[in-house]
C-alpha atoms as a PDB file:
ATOM      1  CA  MET A   1      87.455 122.759 175.475  1.00  0.00           C
ATOM      2  CA  THR A   2      88.150 125.514 178.338  1.00  0.00           C
ATOM      3  CA  ASP A   3      89.559 124.261 181.487  1.00  0.00           C
ATOM      4  CA  LYS A   4      87.168 124.769 184.365  1.00  0.00           C
ATOM      5  CA  LEU A   5      87.212 124.579 188.205  1.00  0.00           C
ATOM      6  CA  THR A   6      85.192 122.232 190.336  1.00  0.00           C
ATOM      7  CA  VAL A   7      83.457 123.233 193.600  1.00  0.00           C
ATOM      8  CA  ALA A   8      82.644 119.940 195.563  1.00  0.00           C
ATOM      9  CA  LEU A   9      80.043 120.661 198.159  1.00  0.00           C
ATOM     10  CA  PRO A  10      78.967 117.928 200.549  1.00  0.00           C
ATOM     11  CA  ILE A  11      75.952 118.485 202.654  1.00  0.00           C
ATOM     12  CA  TYR A  12      74.808 116.453 205.635  1.00  0.00           C
ATOM     13  CA  GLN A  13      71.871 117.832 208.021  1.00  0.00           C
ATOM     14  CA  MET A  14      72.717 121.288 207.196  1.00  0.00           C
ATOM     15  CA  GLN A  15      69.444 122.657 206.026  1.00  0.00           C
ATOM     16  CA  PRO A  16      69.477 125.790 208.397  1.00  0.00           C
ATOM     17  CA  ILE A  17      73.024 126.780 207.386  1.00  0.00           C
ATOM     18  CA  ALA A  18      73.707 125.431 203.848  1.00  0.00           C
ATOM     19  CA  TRP A  19      72.448 128.625 202.328  1.00  0.00           C
ATOM     20  CA  LEU A  20      75.723 130.256 203.536  1.00  0.00           C
ATOM     21  CA  ALA A  21      77.862 128.364 201.224  1.00  0.00           C
ATOM     22  CA  PHE A  22      75.589 129.165 198.338  1.00  0.00           C
ATOM     23  CA  GLU A  23      75.799 132.894 199.261  1.00  0.00           C
ATOM     24  CA  GLY A  24      79.291 132.932 199.217  1.00  0.00           C
ATOM     25  CA  LEU A  25      79.604 131.128 195.864  1.00  0.00           C
ATOM     26  CA  ALA A  26      77.179 133.475 194.404  1.00  0.00           C
ATOM     27  CA  ASN A  27      79.345 136.450 195.218  1.00  0.00           C
ATOM     28  CA  GLN A  28      82.496 135.290 193.360  1.00  0.00           C
ATOM     29  CA  VAL A  29      84.288 137.643 191.087  1.00  0.00           C
ATOM     30  CA  ASP A  30      86.243 136.810 187.937  1.00  0.00           C
ATOM     31  CA  ALA A  31      85.879 133.112 188.588  1.00  0.00           C
ATOM     32  CA  GLY A  32      85.828 131.988 185.070  1.00  0.00           C
ATOM     33  CA  ASP A  33      83.702 128.845 184.154  1.00  0.00           C
ATOM     34  CA  TRP A  34      83.226 126.262 186.819  1.00  0.00           C
ATOM     35  CA  GLU A  35      80.977 123.412 187.935  1.00  0.00           C
ATOM     36  CA  LEU A  36      79.226 122.497 191.253  1.00  0.00           C
ATOM     37  CA  ILE A  37      78.900 119.193 192.622  1.00  0.00           C
ATOM     38  CA  ILE A  38      76.342 118.720 195.445  1.00  0.00           C
ATOM     39  CA  LEU A  39      76.785 115.459 197.371  1.00  0.00           C
ATOM     40  CA  GLU A  40      73.967 114.999 200.011  1.00  0.00           C
ATOM     41  CA  GLU A  41      71.818 112.224 201.577  1.00  0.00           C
ATOM     42  CA  VAL A  42      68.225 112.002 200.518  1.00  0.00           C
ATOM     43  CA  GLU A  43      66.884 112.264 203.971  1.00  0.00           C
ATOM     44  CA  GLY A  44      66.981 115.968 204.912  1.00  0.00           C
ATOM     45  CA  SER A  45      68.228 117.172 201.581  1.00  0.00           C
ATOM     46  CA  CYS A  46      68.168 120.755 200.554  1.00  0.00           C
ATOM     47  CA  GLY A  47      70.299 121.099 197.538  1.00  0.00           C
ATOM     48  CA  ASP A  48      67.402 121.266 194.988  1.00  0.00           C
ATOM     49  CA  GLU A  49      65.715 124.022 196.991  1.00  0.00           C
ATOM     50  CA  LEU A  50      68.758 126.187 197.349  1.00  0.00           C
ATOM     51  CA  LEU A  51      69.726 125.678 193.663  1.00  0.00           C
ATOM     52  CA  GLU A  52      66.419 127.017 192.735  1.00  0.00           C
ATOM     53  CA  LEU A  53      66.902 130.214 194.902  1.00  0.00           C
ATOM     54  CA  TYR A  54      70.399 130.840 193.808  1.00  0.00           C
ATOM     55  CA  LYS A  55      70.553 129.594 190.132  1.00  0.00           C
ATOM     56  CA  ASP A  56      70.656 133.041 188.518  1.00  0.00           C
ATOM     57  CA  ARG A  57      73.260 134.389 190.850  1.00  0.00           C
ATOM     58  CA  LEU A  58      75.519 131.401 190.539  1.00  0.00           C
ATOM     59  CA  MET A  59      75.286 131.666 186.724  1.00  0.00           C
ATOM     60  CA  GLU A  60      76.331 135.269 186.930  1.00  0.00           C
ATOM     61  CA  ALA A  61      79.251 134.129 189.133  1.00  0.00           C
ATOM     62  CA  GLY A  62      80.418 131.763 186.523  1.00  0.00           C
ATOM     63  CA  CYS A  63      78.726 128.369 187.311  1.00  0.00           C
ATOM     64  CA  ARG A  64      78.117 126.463 184.134  1.00  0.00           C
ATOM     65  CA  GLN A  65      76.693 123.144 185.382  1.00  0.00           C
ATOM     66  CA  VAL A  66      75.473 121.436 188.630  1.00  0.00           C
ATOM     67  CA  LYS A  67      75.893 117.741 189.296  1.00  0.00           C
ATOM     68  CA  PHE A  68      73.806 116.146 192.014  1.00  0.00           C
ATOM     69  CA  VAL A  69      75.046 112.945 193.920  1.00  0.00           C
ATOM     70  CA  ARG A  70      72.498 111.536 196.166  1.00  0.00           C
ATOM     71  CA  TYR A  71      72.931 108.981 198.912  1.00  0.00           C
ATOM     72  CA  HIS A  72      70.106 106.793 200.371  1.00  0.00           C
ATOM     73  CA  GLU A  73      72.119 106.320 203.643  1.00  0.00           C
ATOM     74  CA  HIS A  74      74.685 108.421 205.388  1.00  0.00           C
ATOM     75  CA  VAL A  75      78.320 108.199 203.975  1.00  0.00           C
ATOM     76  CA  ARG A  76      81.543 109.465 205.392  1.00  0.00           C
ATOM     77  CA  LEU A  77      83.085 112.982 204.104  1.00  0.00           C
ATOM     78  CA  LEU A  78      86.126 111.353 202.640  1.00  0.00           C
ATOM     79  CA  GLN A  79      83.869 108.976 200.460  1.00  0.00           C
ATOM     80  CA  LYS A  80      82.082 112.095 199.190  1.00  0.00           C
ATOM     81  CA  TRP A  81      85.410 113.807 198.242  1.00  0.00           C
ATOM     82  CA  ILE A  82      86.392 110.689 196.267  1.00  0.00           C
ATOM     83  CA  LYS A  83      83.028 110.533 194.655  1.00  0.00           C
ATOM     84  CA  ALA A  84      83.273 114.090 193.648  1.00  0.00           C
ATOM     85  CA  ALA A  85      86.724 113.422 192.089  1.00  0.00           C
ATOM     86  CA  GLU A  86      85.134 110.505 189.971  1.00  0.00           C
ATOM     87  CA  VAL A  87      82.237 112.720 188.580  1.00  0.00           C
ATOM     88  CA  MET A  88      84.232 115.849 187.963  1.00  0.00           C
ATOM     89  CA  SER A  89      84.646 117.166 184.402  1.00  0.00           C
ATOM     90  CA  VAL A  90      87.728 115.705 182.604  1.00  0.00           C
ATOM     91  CA  ASN A  91      88.878 119.011 181.757  1.00  0.00           C
ATOM     92  CA  SER A  92      88.586 120.148 185.379  1.00  0.00           C
ATOM     93  CA  LEU A  93      91.976 122.038 186.813  1.00  0.00           C
ATOM     94  CA  GLY A  94      91.143 120.928 190.302  1.00  0.00           C
ATOM     95  CA  MET A  95      88.603 120.655 193.139  1.00  0.00           C
ATOM     96  CA  LEU A  96      87.724 123.247 195.904  1.00  0.00           C
ATOM     97  CA  LEU A  97      86.643 121.740 199.189  1.00  0.00           C
ATOM     98  CA  GLN A  98      83.579 123.665 199.954  1.00  0.00           C
ATOM     99  CA  ALA A  99      82.124 123.075 203.316  1.00  0.00           C
ATOM    100  CA  GLY A 100      78.256 123.572 203.548  1.00  0.00           C
ATOM    101  CA  ASP A 101      78.674 126.066 206.646  1.00  0.00           C
ATOM    102  CA  VAL A 102      81.248 128.427 205.133  1.00  0.00           C
ATOM    103  CA  TYR A 103      81.086 131.729 203.435  1.00  0.00           C
ATOM    104  CA  SER A 104      83.962 131.700 200.914  1.00  0.00           C
ATOM    105  CA  GLN A 105      85.509 135.177 200.223  1.00  0.00           C
ATOM    106  CA  LYS A 106      84.862 136.829 196.849  1.00  0.00           C
ATOM    107  CA  ASP A 107      88.314 135.993 195.309  1.00  0.00           C
ATOM    108  CA  ARG A 108      88.475 132.470 196.351  1.00  0.00           C
ATOM    109  CA  LEU A 109      87.659 130.747 192.927  1.00  0.00           C
ATOM    110  CA  ARG A 110      89.882 133.463 191.069  1.00  0.00           C
ATOM    111  CA  ILE A 111      92.790 132.867 193.209  1.00  0.00           C
ATOM    112  CA  THR A 112      92.521 129.126 193.187  1.00  0.00           C
ATOM    113  CA  ARG A 113      92.336 129.023 189.209  1.00  0.00           C
ATOM    114  CA  GLN A 114      95.403 131.155 189.016  1.00  0.00           C
ATOM    115  CA  CYS A 115      97.311 128.710 191.305  1.00  0.00           C
ATOM    116  CA  PHE A 116      96.252 125.721 189.497  1.00  0.00           C
ATOM    117  CA  GLU A 117      97.165 127.305 185.991  1.00  0.00           C
ATOM    118  CA  ASN A 118     100.858 127.979 187.626  1.00  0.00           C
ATOM    119  CA  GLY A 119     101.237 124.333 188.485  1.00  0.00           C
ATOM    120  CA  TYR A 120     100.337 124.366 192.427  1.00  0.00           C
ATOM    121  CA  GLY A 121      98.951 121.170 193.862  1.00  0.00           C
ATOM    122  CA  TRP A 122      97.348 122.591 196.978  1.00  0.00           C
ATOM    123  CA  VAL A 123      95.779 125.933 197.711  1.00  0.00           C
ATOM    124  CA  GLN A 124      94.798 127.209 201.266  1.00  0.00           C
ATOM    125  CA  GLU A 125      93.939 130.372 203.082  1.00  0.00           C
ATOM    126  CA  ASN A 126      96.288 130.568 206.269  1.00  0.00           C
ATOM    127  CA  LYS A 127      93.797 132.911 207.945  1.00  0.00           C
ATOM    128  CA  SER A 128      90.032 133.036 208.249  1.00  0.00           C
ATOM    129  CA  ILE A 129      87.319 133.913 210.808  1.00  0.00           C
ATOM    130  CA  PHE A 130      85.175 131.555 212.640  1.00  0.00           C
ATOM    131  CA  ILE A 131      82.094 132.364 214.461  1.00  0.00           C
ATOM    132  CA  ASN A 132      80.655 130.070 217.243  1.00  0.00           C
ATOM    133  CA  LEU A 133      76.880 130.354 216.376  1.00  0.00           C
ATOM    134  CA  ASP A 134      76.016 129.311 220.011  1.00  0.00           C
ATOM    135  CA  THR A 135      77.477 132.496 221.609  1.00  0.00           C
ATOM    136  CA  GLY A 136      78.078 134.818 218.620  1.00  0.00           C
ATOM    137  CA  LYS A 137      81.888 134.983 219.568  1.00  0.00           C
ATOM    138  CA  LEU A 138      84.373 135.495 216.696  1.00  0.00           C
ATOM    139  CA  ALA A 139      87.885 134.142 216.587  1.00  0.00           C
ATOM    140  CA  LEU A 140      90.732 134.318 214.091  1.00  0.00           C
ATOM    141  CA  LEU A 141      91.997 130.919 212.722  1.00  0.00           C
ATOM    142  CA  ASP A 142      95.703 131.325 211.996  1.00  0.00           C
ATOM    143  CA  VAL A 143      97.882 128.451 210.781  1.00  0.00           C
ATOM    144  CA  SER A 144     100.640 130.774 209.380  1.00  0.00           C
ATOM    145  CA  GLY A 145     103.182 128.961 211.355  1.00  0.00           C
ATOM    146  CA  GLY A 146     102.381 125.656 209.569  1.00  0.00           C
ATOM    147  CA  GLU A 147     104.446 123.463 212.080  1.00  0.00           C
ATOM    148  CA  ILE A 148     101.385 121.869 213.835  1.00  0.00           C
ATOM    149  CA  PHE A 149      98.525 122.820 212.005  1.00  0.00           C
ATOM    150  CA  LYS A 150      99.288 122.281 208.305  1.00  0.00           C
ATOM    151  CA  THR A 151      95.823 122.742 206.727  1.00  0.00           C
ATOM    152  CA  GLY A 152      93.933 126.032 206.868  1.00  0.00           C
ATOM    153  CA  GLY A 153      90.742 127.380 205.220  1.00  0.00           C
ATOM    154  CA  GLY A 154      89.614 127.808 201.600  1.00  0.00           C
ATOM    155  CA  MET A 155      91.370 124.455 200.696  1.00  0.00           C
ATOM    156  CA  ALA A 156      91.747 123.233 196.967  1.00  0.00           C
ATOM    157  CA  ILE A 157      93.513 120.329 195.431  1.00  0.00           C
ATOM    158  CA  THR A 158      94.465 119.819 191.890  1.00  0.00           C
ATOM    159  CA  ALA A 159      92.598 117.136 189.756  1.00  0.00           C
ATOM    160  CA  ASP A 160      95.522 114.649 189.101  1.00  0.00           C
ATOM    161  CA  ILE A 161      96.190 114.355 192.949  1.00  0.00           C
ATOM    162  CA  ILE A 162      92.357 114.186 194.119  1.00  0.00           C
ATOM    163  CA  ARG A 163      91.808 111.473 191.661  1.00  0.00           C
ATOM    164  CA  LYS A 164      94.532 109.272 193.156  1.00  0.00           C
ATOM    165  CA  VAL A 165      93.005 109.413 196.807  1.00  0.00           C
ATOM    166  CA  LYS A 166      92.013 106.115 198.203  1.00  0.00           C
ATOM    167  CA  ASP A 167      89.486 105.511 200.914  1.00  0.00           C
ATOM    168  CA  ASN A 168      91.229 104.433 204.167  1.00  0.00           C
ATOM    169  CA  GLY A 169      88.050 104.415 206.292  1.00  0.00           C
ATOM    170  CA  ILE A 170      88.870 107.549 208.349  1.00  0.00           C
ATOM    171  CA  VAL A 171      86.098 109.760 209.784  1.00  0.00           C
ATOM    172  CA  LYS A 172      88.090 112.437 211.218  1.00  0.00           C
ATOM    173  CA  GLY A 173      91.389 114.172 210.045  1.00  0.00           C
ATOM    174  CA  VAL A 174      90.195 114.010 206.412  1.00  0.00           C
ATOM    175  CA  ASP A 175      91.910 117.289 205.403  1.00  0.00           C
ATOM    176  CA  HIS A 176      95.197 116.260 206.741  1.00  0.00           C
ATOM    177  CA  TYR A 177      94.721 112.894 204.792  1.00  0.00           C
ATOM    178  CA  LEU A 178      94.200 114.580 201.596  1.00  0.00           C
ATOM    179  CA  PHE A 179      97.134 117.031 202.492  1.00  0.00           C
ATOM    180  CA  SER A 180      99.390 113.791 202.889  1.00  0.00           C
ATOM    181  CA  TYR A 181      98.766 112.887 199.065  1.00  0.00           C
ATOM    182  CA  VAL A 182      99.941 116.483 198.107  1.00  0.00           C
ATOM    183  CA  GLU A 183     103.239 116.079 200.227  1.00  0.00           C
ATOM    184  CA  ALA A 184     103.693 112.613 198.809  1.00  0.00           C
ATOM    185  CA  GLU A 185     103.504 114.037 195.393  1.00  0.00           C
ATOM    186  CA  ASN A 186     106.031 116.822 196.391  1.00  0.00           C
ATOM    187  CA  ALA A 187     103.571 119.215 194.760  1.00  0.00           C
ATOM    188  CA  LYS A 188     103.867 123.027 195.174  1.00  0.00           C
ATOM    189  CA  ILE A 189     101.712 124.622 197.970  1.00  0.00           C
ATOM    190  CA  TYR A 190     100.169 127.842 197.765  1.00  0.00           C
ATOM    191  CA  SER A 191      99.269 129.469 201.153  1.00  0.00           C
ATOM    192  CA  TYR A 192      98.058 132.972 201.419  1.00  0.00           C
ATOM    193  CA  ILE A 193      95.975 135.549 203.359  1.00  0.00           C
ATOM    194  CA  PRO A 194      93.006 137.004 201.430  1.00  0.00           C
ATOM    195  CA  ASP A 195      92.177 140.670 201.693  1.00  0.00           C
ATOM    196  CA  VAL A 196      88.797 139.933 203.182  1.00  0.00           C
ATOM    197  CA  LEU A 197      88.698 136.853 205.285  1.00  0.00           C
ATOM    198  CA  THR A 198      86.499 133.862 204.583  1.00  0.00           C
ATOM    199  CA  LEU A 199      83.962 133.281 207.270  1.00  0.00           C
ATOM    200  CA  SER A 200      83.421 129.774 208.708  1.00  0.00           C
ATOM    201  CA  THR A 201      80.842 128.779 211.337  1.00  0.00           C
ATOM    202  CA  ASN A 202      80.721 126.496 214.271  1.00  0.00           C
ATOM    203  CA  GLY A 203      77.557 124.886 215.413  1.00  0.00           C
ATOM    204  CA  PHE A 204      76.313 122.512 212.567  1.00  0.00           C
ATOM    205  CA  ASN A 205      79.473 120.688 212.010  1.00  0.00           C
ATOM    206  CA  HIS A 206      79.139 117.031 212.789  1.00  0.00           C
ATOM    207  CA  LEU A 207      82.825 116.143 213.109  1.00  0.00           C
ATOM    208  CA  SER A 208      84.601 119.016 215.103  1.00  0.00           C
ATOM    209  CA  LYS A 209      82.702 118.700 218.321  1.00  0.00           C
ATOM    210  CA  SER A 210      85.306 120.418 220.638  1.00  0.00           C
ATOM    211  CA  ARG A 211      85.873 123.408 218.285  1.00  0.00           C
ATOM    212  CA  GLY A 212      83.278 125.612 220.042  1.00  0.00           C
ATOM    213  CA  ALA A 213      85.425 125.540 223.245  1.00  0.00           C
ATOM    214  CA  LEU A 214      88.725 126.520 221.334  1.00  0.00           C
ATOM    215  CA  ILE A 215      86.782 129.422 219.808  1.00  0.00           C
ATOM    216  CA  GLU A 216      85.588 130.569 223.085  1.00  0.00           C
ATOM    217  CA  PHE A 217      88.916 130.089 225.019  1.00  0.00           C
ATOM    218  CA  ASN A 218      90.978 131.404 222.122  1.00  0.00           C
ATOM    219  CA  LYS A 219      93.032 128.288 221.988  1.00  0.00           C
ATOM    220  CA  PRO A 220      95.346 127.787 219.133  1.00  0.00           C
ATOM    221  CA  PRO A 221      94.820 127.660 216.305  1.00  0.00           C
ATOM    222  CA  PHE A 222      92.053 130.270 217.338  1.00  0.00           C
ATOM    223  CA  TYR A 223      92.922 133.614 218.397  1.00  0.00           C
ATOM    224  CA  GLY A 224      91.116 136.878 219.397  1.00  0.00           C
ATOM    225  CA  THR A 225      89.998 139.328 216.708  1.00  0.00           C
ATOM    226  CA  SER A 226      88.541 142.746 216.513  1.00  0.00           C
ATOM    227  CA  LEU A 227      86.661 142.070 213.206  1.00  0.00           C
ATOM    228  CA  LYS A 228      83.024 142.055 213.150  1.00  0.00           C
ATOM    229  CA  LEU A 229      80.480 140.071 211.138  1.00  0.00           C
ATOM    230  CA  GLU A 230      79.799 143.201 209.196  1.00  0.00           C
ATOM    231  CA  ASP A 231      83.385 143.375 208.152  1.00  0.00           C
ATOM    232  CA  LEU A 232      83.004 139.855 206.326  1.00  0.00           C
ATOM    233  CA  VAL A 233      79.383 139.706 205.057  1.00  0.00           C
ATOM    234  CA  SER A 234      76.448 141.980 204.312  1.00  0.00           C
ATOM    235  CA  ASN A 235      74.064 142.978 207.306  1.00  0.00           C
ATOM    236  CA  GLU A 236      71.388 140.727 205.881  1.00  0.00           C
ATOM    237  CA  VAL A 237      73.781 137.608 206.103  1.00  0.00           C
ATOM    238  CA  ALA A 238      74.874 138.662 209.538  1.00  0.00           C
ATOM    239  CA  GLU A 239      71.402 138.979 210.779  1.00  0.00           C
ATOM    240  CA  ARG A 240      70.408 135.597 209.537  1.00  0.00           C
ATOM    241  CA  LEU A 241      73.416 133.841 211.075  1.00  0.00           C
ATOM    242  CA  LEU A 242      72.720 135.291 214.525  1.00  0.00           C
ATOM    243  CA  ASP A 243      69.313 134.117 214.258  1.00  0.00           C
ATOM    244  CA  LEU A 244      70.330 130.549 213.975  1.00  0.00           C
ATOM    245  CA  ARG A 245      71.194 129.865 217.572  1.00  0.00           C
ATOM    246  CA  ASN A 246      68.005 128.011 218.445  1.00  0.00           C
ATOM    247  CA  GLU A 247      68.439 125.804 215.433  1.00  0.00           C
ATOM    248  CA  ILE A 248      71.834 124.430 216.257  1.00  0.00           C
ATOM    249  CA  PRO A 249      71.438 120.603 216.934  1.00  0.00           C
ATOM    250  CA  ARG A 250      71.816 119.146 220.165  1.00  0.00           C
ATOM    251  CA  THR A 251      72.875 115.620 220.643  1.00  0.00           C
ATOM    252  CA  LYS A 252      72.679 113.234 223.688  1.00  0.00           C
ATOM    253  CA  ASN A 253      76.446 113.576 223.993  1.00  0.00           C
ATOM    254  CA  PHE A 254      76.362 117.253 224.196  1.00  0.00           C
ATOM    255  CA  LYS A 255      76.978 118.241 227.749  1.00  0.00           C
ATOM    256  CA  GLU A 256      75.119 121.363 228.612  1.00  0.00           C
ATOM    257  CA  MET A 257      74.572 123.512 231.896  1.00  0.00           C
ATOM    258  CA  LYS A 258      72.243 126.344 232.912  1.00  0.00           C
ATOM    259  CA  VAL A 259      73.565 129.747 233.710  1.00  0.00           C
ATOM    260  CA  ARG A 260      72.058 132.957 234.667  1.00  0.00           C
ATOM    261  CA  MET A 261      73.989 135.796 233.105  1.00  0.00           C
ATOM    262  CA  LEU A 262      75.163 138.527 235.429  1.00  0.00           C
ATOM    263  CA  THR A 263      76.263 140.909 232.493  1.00  0.00           C
ATOM    264  CA  ASN A 264      75.473 141.323 228.875  1.00  0.00           C
ATOM    265  CA  ARG A 265      77.661 139.255 226.694  1.00  0.00           C
ATOM    266  CA  GLY A 266      77.166 138.829 222.933  1.00  0.00           C
ATOM    267  CA  ILE A 267      73.621 137.610 222.309  1.00  0.00           C
ATOM    268  CA  TYR A 268      72.992 136.728 226.140  1.00  0.00           C
ATOM    269  CA  ARG A 269      71.340 139.362 228.216  1.00  0.00           C
ATOM    270  CA  LYS A 270      71.845 140.135 231.899  1.00  0.00           C
ATOM    271  CA  GLY A 271      69.466 138.400 234.198  1.00  0.00           C
ATOM    272  CA  GLU A 272      68.324 135.725 231.665  1.00  0.00           C
ATOM    273  CA  ILE A 273      68.805 132.102 232.136  1.00  0.00           C
ATOM    274  CA  TYR A 274      70.251 129.962 229.340  1.00  0.00           C
ATOM    275  CA  LYS A 275      71.123 126.411 228.550  1.00  0.00           C
ATOM    276  CA  VAL A 276      74.657 126.482 227.055  1.00  0.00           C
ATOM    277  CA  GLU A 277      77.475 124.179 226.102  1.00  0.00           C
ATOM    278  CA  GLU A 278      79.349 123.171 229.449  1.00  0.00           C
ATOM    279  CA  ALA A 279      82.563 124.690 228.197  1.00  0.00           C
ATOM    280  CA  VAL A 280      80.889 127.867 227.246  1.00  0.00           C
ATOM    281  CA  GLY A 281      79.179 128.020 230.631  1.00  0.00           C
ATOM    282  CA  ARG A 282      82.523 127.451 232.403  1.00  0.00           C
ATOM    283  CA  LEU A 283      83.909 130.291 230.662  1.00  0.00           C
ATOM    284  CA  PHE A 284      81.228 132.620 231.499  1.00  0.00           C
ATOM    285  CA  ILE A 285      81.562 131.748 235.195  1.00  0.00           C
ATOM    286  CA  LEU A 286      85.372 132.327 235.003  1.00  0.00           C
ATOM    287  CA  GLU A 287      84.704 135.696 233.673  1.00  0.00           C
ATOM    288  CA  GLN A 288      82.234 136.450 236.316  1.00  0.00           C
ATOM    289  CA  SER A 289      79.629 137.294 233.627  1.00  0.00           C
ATOM    290  CA  ALA A 290      77.301 134.384 234.624  1.00  0.00           C
ATOM    291  CA  GLU A 291      76.376 132.014 237.558  1.00  0.00           C
ATOM    292  CA  MET A 292      75.514 128.317 237.473  1.00  0.00           C
ATOM    293  CA  VAL A 293      71.788 127.530 238.011  1.00  0.00           C
ATOM    294  CA  GLU A 294      71.296 124.406 240.007  1.00  0.00           C
ATOM    295  CA  GLU A 295      68.493 122.249 239.054  1.00  0.00           C
ATOM    296  CA  VAL A 296      66.388 120.862 241.872  1.00  0.00           C
ATOM    297  CA  LYS A 297      65.147 117.605 241.443  1.00  0.00           C
ATOM    298  CA  VAL A 298      62.238 116.351 243.428  1.00  0.00           C
ATOM    299  CA  LYS A 299      62.152 112.811 244.252  1.00  0.00           C
ATOM    300  CA  GLU A 300      58.844 110.903 243.769  1.00  0.00           C
ATOM    301  CA  GLU A 301      58.072 107.568 245.080  1.00  0.00           C
ATOM    302  CA  LYS A 302      56.406 105.454 242.285  1.00  0.00           C
ATOM    303  CA  GLN A 303      54.823 102.199 242.784  1.00  0.00           C
ATOM    304  CA  VAL A 304      54.588 100.200 239.465  1.00  0.00           C
ATOM    305  CA  TYR A 305      52.575  97.020 239.301  1.00  0.00           C
ATOM    306  CA  GLU A 306      52.878  94.611 236.398  1.00  0.00           C
ATOM    307  CA  THR A 307      51.410  91.177 235.684  1.00  0.00           C
ATOM    308  CA  LYS A 308      53.200  88.971 233.277  1.00  0.00           C
ATOM    309  CA  GLU A 309      51.638  85.794 231.827  1.00  0.00           C
ATOM    310  CA  LEU A 310      54.280  83.122 231.388  1.00  0.00           C
ATOM    311  CA  LYS A 311      53.912  81.266 228.114  1.00  0.00           C
ATOM    312  CA  PRO A 312      56.361  78.823 226.595  1.00  0.00           C
ATOM    313  CA  GLN A 313      58.821  80.656 224.262  1.00  0.00           C
ATOM    314  CA  ARG A 314      58.162  79.848 220.679  1.00  0.00           C
ATOM    315  CA  LYS A 315      61.288  79.751 218.463  1.00  0.00           C
ATOM    316  CA  THR A 316      61.112  81.978 215.406  1.00  0.00           C
ATOM    317  CA  LYS A 317      63.382  82.490 212.581  1.00  0.00           C
ATOM    318  CA  THR A 318      65.013  85.681 212.161  1.00  0.00           C
ATOM    319  CA  VAL A 319      65.777  87.166 208.802  1.00  0.00           C
ATOM    320  CA  THR A 320      68.203  89.775 208.104  1.00  0.00           C
ATOM    321  CA  ALA A 321      68.514  91.977 205.029  1.00  0.00           C
ATOM    322  CA  LYS A 322      71.747  93.340 203.844  1.00  0.00           C
ATOM    323  CA  LYS A 323      71.506  97.041 203.284  1.00  0.00           C
ATOM    324  CA  ARG A 324      72.762  97.967 199.942  1.00  0.00           C
ATOM    325  CA  ARG A 325      73.964 101.483 199.397  1.00  0.00           C
ATOM    326  CA  SER A 326      72.785 103.210 196.471  1.00  0.00           C
ATOM    327  CA  LEU A 327      73.438 106.752 194.749  1.00  0.00           C
ATOM    328  CA  ARG A 328      72.203 108.489 192.056  1.00  0.00           C
ATOM    329  CA  VAL A 329      74.042 111.042 189.824  1.00  0.00           C
ATOM    330  CA  GLN A 330      72.237 113.971 188.135  1.00  0.00           C
ATOM    331  CA  TYR A 331      73.557 116.532 185.811  1.00  0.00           C
ATOM    332  CA  ARG A 332      71.937 120.007 185.311  1.00  0.00           C
ATOM    333  CA  GLN A 333      73.116 122.497 182.774  1.00  0.00           C
ATOM    334  CA  LEU A 334      72.587 126.121 183.847  1.00  0.00           C
END
């Protein structure tokens, strides 16, 4: 039985961007045989549709089997990594942690396979490029020092270690938690810088809410870069990414402000008014590339008349039902 790699791909409310992960996987070179595990919630799922679109290209890139794990309610990222370890093939060398909003560079699987075959327990890329989809700005993620920021991009963990990971209930810092198991096992770590850097995106991630500001302000571990999108991906992929700005999810906790652009900056045009993330707007103002637009609110006197009939309150019994998490695993042979 030939040893294979496992690519675990958790997806949560990433319908507009998840195609990017498939695009990168479909472009892998000399990867050998590998399996893909897609873990996603039923509500808002897109794995089936994307698999149909990319099936032929994935097969050409070495994918031999696709497994689906479907959840009927939202589960944490760590739970998905642990479930992927449970359903991965018994002869798998290890598991690549594939984010749904990341375009993996073409040699990622090949290099990871070589590392696992040579006894490494953890593989990662110390440098990668991030694009803030809200502004179009690119930044270099660099964790080469390894003193403060230990985990980078393109991460993978060997099978015997990932199968030992226990769920401690965390929501954030999952990468570092997995890495702690590698350190505890005193496993060999392979860190490298690929010839063509992996492209990660900011905008659809549900955990790293402050990352956009770090990218905009070039705050460690993010730094300025002269690279362009076209240096990393095809023109078609670059255009699709830049068209995603209006589809970035906005939440109630997401602070925004209105600015009028004084100069052209990225996708923002001089003279136009935009609603942007507050940290981004402040940066534009500091650069003198924009000015804040004050919203004028007109107070209206409203009179509301309401009549309530007073009735004796009838006691009612409340019935609560415990929600039971259920999931279904499907296997598909390519």
